[in-house]
Every structure is written in structure tokens, then in C-alpha cells.
Amino acid sequence: MKDKITKCRSYFDFDKEINYINKMNKEGWKLVYIKAGIFYTFVRTQPDEYTTILHADKKENLARVAAFAAQCGYENIPHTMDGVGDIMYLTGKKREVSDDFVTDNESKLTVSKIMLNKYRIFTLAFAVLTALFAVFAMGYWYCYYNFHLIYCFRYNIVPSAEYTTFAVIYAVLVIICLLMLGVILKIKRRVKSKVKRLREEMSIYE
């Protein structure tokens, strides 16, 4: 029986990512490392022994937050962007972790705002990719119909399928990017609503 496994997963939705990690926790697997954002390494533990949470903060605050998290029973899980990014994956034994960690609305708002900013970056990135792939696809179709076909007709040559193939590939990439953009925008709206709700709750208690 294996004591260590690595799973390949890709998530844009951080909530789904944490749900997946905690599902593995319930099955008796503790997350110990995340590589390249898609390779999750787990070691065998007792079923439902650990719980994992996601926390985000300004980079300059992460060391202080990690120290406080350790006092609350959590350990920081190393990942590829560790020390560079602003996201922390924290795990701890259920019977040992304290509820004192990130319970106030201000901390939750900070986390949600950072997540919202990341989804804005994702939105911009996929919008740019969609535009680039669309330009390439239209460029290949334009060259095919306005240059290649005319040249082949003039010299009685069988048209090459190369232009069509690349145009179709880029068109498929455009569709994929548009679908991903739709998913990210949906998640972004959900996180934006959460930020708005937390702000309203904070204003009530001020």
C-alpha cells in the first residue's frame, strides 16, 4: 500500500481546490507539497485527521501570519510560489487547530480582495489570449483565401491543407479560451459578491 501519492489537478476556482484537498484529507491523505500549481503530493494519514484552509495576505505579512497560524495548530504547506506569491495553504489536525485563526471579517475581507484581484488578472490574461488566437486564426484564413488559393489556381497546384489546419487549431483555442473566460468571470462575480457582503457586514458593526 502506497504511503505517498501525487495527483495532477488543475483549478481556477480556489474553493473547489480546497474542497478537493479536504476530500483527500477525509480519505486519509495529508497534503505536503504543491508543484507547478497542478501536482498535489499527499502522504497517508488517518481518515479525516487533517483539515486544510487557504489564506491570502500581503507578502510582507506572510511571515507574521505563518507564525500566528502555527500557534493556532496549522502548518504551512510548501508550494511552487511559496515566498513569491501571497497565498498560503495551511493544514492541521482537526483536534489541534484553533478557531482563533482568521475569524474576523477584516481578515476574511483581505483574503477575498486578494482572490478577487487574482481573478481580475486571470480575466485579463484569457481575454488577451482569446484576442491573439482570434487574430492568428483570421490571419491564416485570410492568407489561405486571398493568397494561397489564388496561387494554386494560377499554377494548377493542389491547395495545401496547412493553412486550414492552423486556422482550425487557433479557432479551437479561441473557443477554449472563451469557455475558460466564462468560468473565471462566473467565479469572479461570486468573489465580488462576497467582498461586497463582507464590507456591508463590517459597516454595520462600525
Protein backbone atom coordinates (compact mmCIF):
# COMPACT_ATOMS: atom_id res chain seq x y z
CA MET A 1 0.00 0.00 0.00
CA LYS A 2 1.41 3.40 -1.01
CA ASP A 3 2.27 5.88 1.71
CA LYS A 4 2.79 8.77 -0.72
CA ILE A 5 0.93 9.75 -3.88
CA THR A 6 0.94 12.65 -6.35
CA LYS A 7 -2.25 13.74 -8.08
CA CYS A 8 -2.46 16.02 -11.11
CA ARG A 9 -5.29 18.54 -10.87
CA SER A 10 -5.94 21.98 -12.35
CA TYR A 11 -8.13 24.51 -10.57
CA PHE A 12 -9.07 28.13 -11.25
CA ASP A 13 -11.69 28.02 -8.53
CA PHE A 14 -9.86 28.16 -5.17
CA ASP A 15 -12.98 26.97 -3.32
CA LYS A 16 -13.10 23.81 -5.43
CA GLU A 17 -9.37 23.32 -4.90
CA ILE A 18 -9.72 23.44 -1.12
CA ASN A 19 -12.78 21.16 -1.28
CA TYR A 20 -10.70 18.64 -3.23
CA ILE A 21 -7.82 18.80 -0.74
CA ASN A 22 -10.20 18.33 2.20
CA LYS A 23 -11.86 15.43 0.39
CA MET A 24 -8.43 13.80 0.26
CA ASN A 25 -8.00 14.64 3.97
CA LYS A 26 -11.20 12.77 4.75
CA GLU A 27 -9.92 9.77 2.81
CA GLY A 28 -6.73 9.73 4.90
CA TRP A 29 -4.32 11.78 2.79
CA LYS A 30 -2.46 14.85 4.05
CA LEU A 31 -1.23 17.44 1.53
CA VAL A 32 2.51 18.08 1.86
CA TYR A 33 3.51 19.87 -1.36
CA ILE A 34 2.08 21.54 -4.45
CA LYS A 35 4.31 21.71 -7.54
CA ALA A 36 3.65 23.93 -10.56
CA GLY A 37 0.14 24.56 -9.26
CA ILE A 38 -1.15 21.23 -10.62
CA PHE A 39 0.77 18.41 -8.89
CA TYR A 40 -0.53 17.69 -5.38
CA THR A 41 1.60 15.39 -3.21
CA PHE A 42 -0.09 13.63 -0.30
CA VAL A 43 1.13 11.30 2.45
CA ARG A 44 -1.04 8.72 4.16
CA THR A 45 -2.64 9.65 7.50
CA GLN A 46 -5.70 8.65 9.47
CA PRO A 47 -9.01 9.33 7.67
CA ASP A 48 -10.48 12.74 8.49
CA GLU A 49 -7.50 13.59 10.71
CA TYR A 50 -6.46 16.81 8.94
CA THR A 51 -8.22 19.91 7.67
CA THR A 52 -6.83 22.39 5.14
CA ILE A 53 -7.62 26.06 4.60
CA LEU A 54 -6.48 28.70 2.14
CA HIS A 55 -5.25 32.06 3.35
CA ALA A 56 -4.02 35.10 1.45
CA ASP A 57 -2.36 38.27 2.67
CA LYS A 58 0.13 40.91 1.63
CA LYS A 59 3.56 39.38 1.02
CA GLU A 60 5.16 41.42 3.80
CA ASN A 61 2.63 39.95 6.28
CA LEU A 62 3.03 36.28 5.39
CA ALA A 63 5.83 35.50 7.87
CA ARG A 64 3.81 37.01 10.73
CA VAL A 65 0.65 35.21 9.60
CA ALA A 66 2.53 31.90 9.31
CA ALA A 67 3.81 32.30 12.88
CA PHE A 68 0.30 33.02 14.18
CA ALA A 69 -1.09 30.10 12.16
CA ALA A 70 1.49 27.81 13.76
CA GLN A 71 0.29 28.93 17.20
CA CYS A 72 -3.22 28.00 16.09
CA GLY A 73 -2.13 24.48 15.12
CA TYR A 74 -1.61 24.97 11.38
CA GLU A 75 1.48 24.23 9.31
CA ASN A 76 2.30 26.00 6.06
CA ILE A 77 2.31 23.68 3.05
CA PRO A 78 5.18 24.43 0.64
CA HIS A 79 4.20 25.17 -2.94
CA THR A 80 5.87 26.44 -6.09
CA MET A 81 5.02 30.09 -5.43
CA ASP A 82 5.97 29.86 -1.76
CA GLY A 83 7.86 33.01 -0.81
CA VAL A 84 6.89 34.74 -4.05
CA GLY A 85 3.10 34.77 -4.09
CA ASP A 86 0.57 35.89 -1.49
CA ILE A 87 -1.33 32.63 -0.94
CA MET A 88 -0.78 30.18 1.90
CA TYR A 89 -2.08 26.63 2.14
CA LEU A 90 -2.44 25.74 5.81
CA THR A 91 -3.18 22.32 7.23
CA GLY A 92 -3.53 20.97 10.74
CA LYS A 93 -5.04 18.18 12.78
CA LYS A 94 -8.71 18.86 13.41
CA ARG A 95 -8.46 18.25 17.14
CA GLU A 96 -5.49 20.63 17.47
CA VAL A 97 -6.34 23.66 15.28
CA SER A 98 -7.79 26.75 16.93
CA ASP A 99 -10.80 28.71 15.76
CA ASP A 100 -8.93 31.91 16.57
CA PHE A 101 -7.25 31.94 13.15
CA VAL A 102 -8.94 34.23 10.60
CA THR A 103 -12.35 34.56 12.19
CA ASP A 104 -12.88 38.32 11.94
CA ASN A 105 -14.48 39.93 8.90
CA GLU A 106 -11.49 42.18 8.25
CA SER A 107 -9.21 39.17 7.72
CA LYS A 108 -11.81 37.43 5.56
CA LEU A 109 -12.20 40.63 3.52
CA THR A 110 -8.44 40.81 2.96
CA VAL A 111 -8.41 37.23 1.68
CA SER A 112 -11.40 37.83 -0.61
CA LYS A 113 -9.94 41.05 -2.04
CA ILE A 114 -6.67 39.31 -2.90
CA MET A 115 -8.59 36.47 -4.55
CA LEU A 116 -10.70 38.97 -6.49
CA ASN A 117 -7.55 40.66 -7.76
CA LYS A 118 -6.21 37.29 -8.94
CA TYR A 119 -9.41 36.61 -10.87
CA ARG A 120 -9.09 40.03 -12.49
CA ILE A 121 -5.61 39.03 -13.65
CA PHE A 122 -6.95 35.70 -14.93
CA THR A 123 -9.71 37.55 -16.80
CA LEU A 124 -7.24 39.90 -18.47
CA ALA A 125 -4.87 37.04 -19.36
CA PHE A 126 -7.57 34.94 -21.04
CA ALA A 127 -9.02 37.98 -22.81
CA VAL A 128 -5.58 38.73 -24.30
CA LEU A 129 -5.07 35.07 -25.28
CA THR A 130 -8.51 34.96 -26.92
CA ALA A 131 -7.72 38.08 -28.94
CA LEU A 132 -4.30 36.75 -30.03
CA PHE A 133 -5.64 33.35 -31.10
CA ALA A 134 -8.50 35.06 -32.95
CA VAL A 135 -6.02 37.27 -34.85
CA PHE A 136 -3.91 34.22 -35.79
CA ALA A 137 -6.99 32.26 -36.92
CA MET A 138 -8.28 35.12 -39.07
CA GLY A 139 -4.77 35.70 -40.44
CA TYR A 140 -4.46 32.11 -41.62
CA TRP A 141 -7.91 32.14 -43.20
CA TYR A 142 -7.14 35.44 -44.92
CA CYS A 143 -3.83 34.14 -46.31
CA TYR A 144 -5.49 30.91 -47.41
CA TYR A 145 -8.31 32.51 -49.34
CA ASN A 146 -6.59 35.63 -50.67
CA PHE A 147 -3.12 34.31 -51.49
CA HIS A 148 -2.73 30.56 -51.34
CA LEU A 149 -5.88 29.58 -53.29
CA ILE A 150 -5.20 32.18 -55.97
CA TYR A 151 -1.61 30.99 -56.31
CA CYS A 152 -2.69 27.33 -56.54
CA PHE A 153 -5.39 28.16 -59.10
CA ARG A 154 -2.97 30.14 -61.24
CA TYR A 155 -0.32 27.41 -61.33
CA ASN A 156 -2.72 24.45 -61.19
CA ILE A 157 -1.41 23.22 -57.82
CA VAL A 158 -3.40 21.27 -55.25
CA PRO A 159 -4.09 23.61 -52.29
CA SER A 160 -2.26 22.77 -49.08
CA ALA A 161 -4.29 21.96 -46.00
CA GLU A 162 -1.66 23.60 -43.75
CA TYR A 163 -3.38 26.99 -43.61
CA THR A 164 -6.76 25.40 -42.87
CA THR A 165 -5.28 23.16 -40.18
CA PHE A 166 -3.66 26.02 -38.31
CA ALA A 167 -6.75 28.18 -38.70
CA VAL A 168 -8.91 25.43 -37.19
CA ILE A 169 -6.42 24.88 -34.34
CA TYR A 170 -6.42 28.57 -33.45
CA ALA A 171 -10.22 28.70 -33.75
CA VAL A 172 -10.48 25.81 -31.27
CA LEU A 173 -8.08 27.62 -28.93
CA VAL A 174 -10.30 30.72 -29.16
CA ILE A 175 -13.33 28.63 -28.15
CA ILE A 176 -11.43 27.06 -25.23
CA CYS A 177 -10.25 30.47 -24.01
CA LEU A 178 -13.77 31.87 -24.28
CA LEU A 179 -15.14 28.98 -22.24
CA MET A 180 -12.42 29.45 -19.60
CA LEU A 181 -13.10 33.19 -19.60
CA GLY A 182 -16.77 32.49 -18.93
CA VAL A 183 -15.89 30.20 -16.00
CA ILE A 184 -13.49 32.75 -14.50
CA LEU A 185 -15.98 35.59 -14.87
CA LYS A 186 -18.58 33.48 -13.06
CA ILE A 187 -16.17 32.82 -10.17
CA LYS A 188 -15.11 36.47 -10.17
CA ARG A 189 -18.74 37.59 -9.75
CA ARG A 190 -19.14 35.21 -6.81
CA VAL A 191 -16.00 36.51 -5.08
CA LYS A 192 -17.03 40.11 -5.81
CA SER A 193 -20.39 39.45 -4.16
CA LYS A 194 -18.58 38.02 -1.14
CA VAL A 195 -16.38 41.13 -0.87
CA LYS A 196 -19.47 43.33 -1.06
CA ARG A 197 -21.24 41.29 1.62
CA LEU A 198 -18.26 41.43 3.98
CA ARG A 199 -17.97 45.19 3.52
CA GLU A 200 -21.64 45.62 4.33
CA GLU A 201 -21.30 43.48 7.46
CA MET A 202 -18.26 45.49 8.58
CA SER A 203 -20.11 48.79 8.06
CA ILE A 204 -22.99 47.56 10.23
CA TYR A 205 -20.70 46.92 13.20
CA GLU A 206 -18.72 50.13 12.85
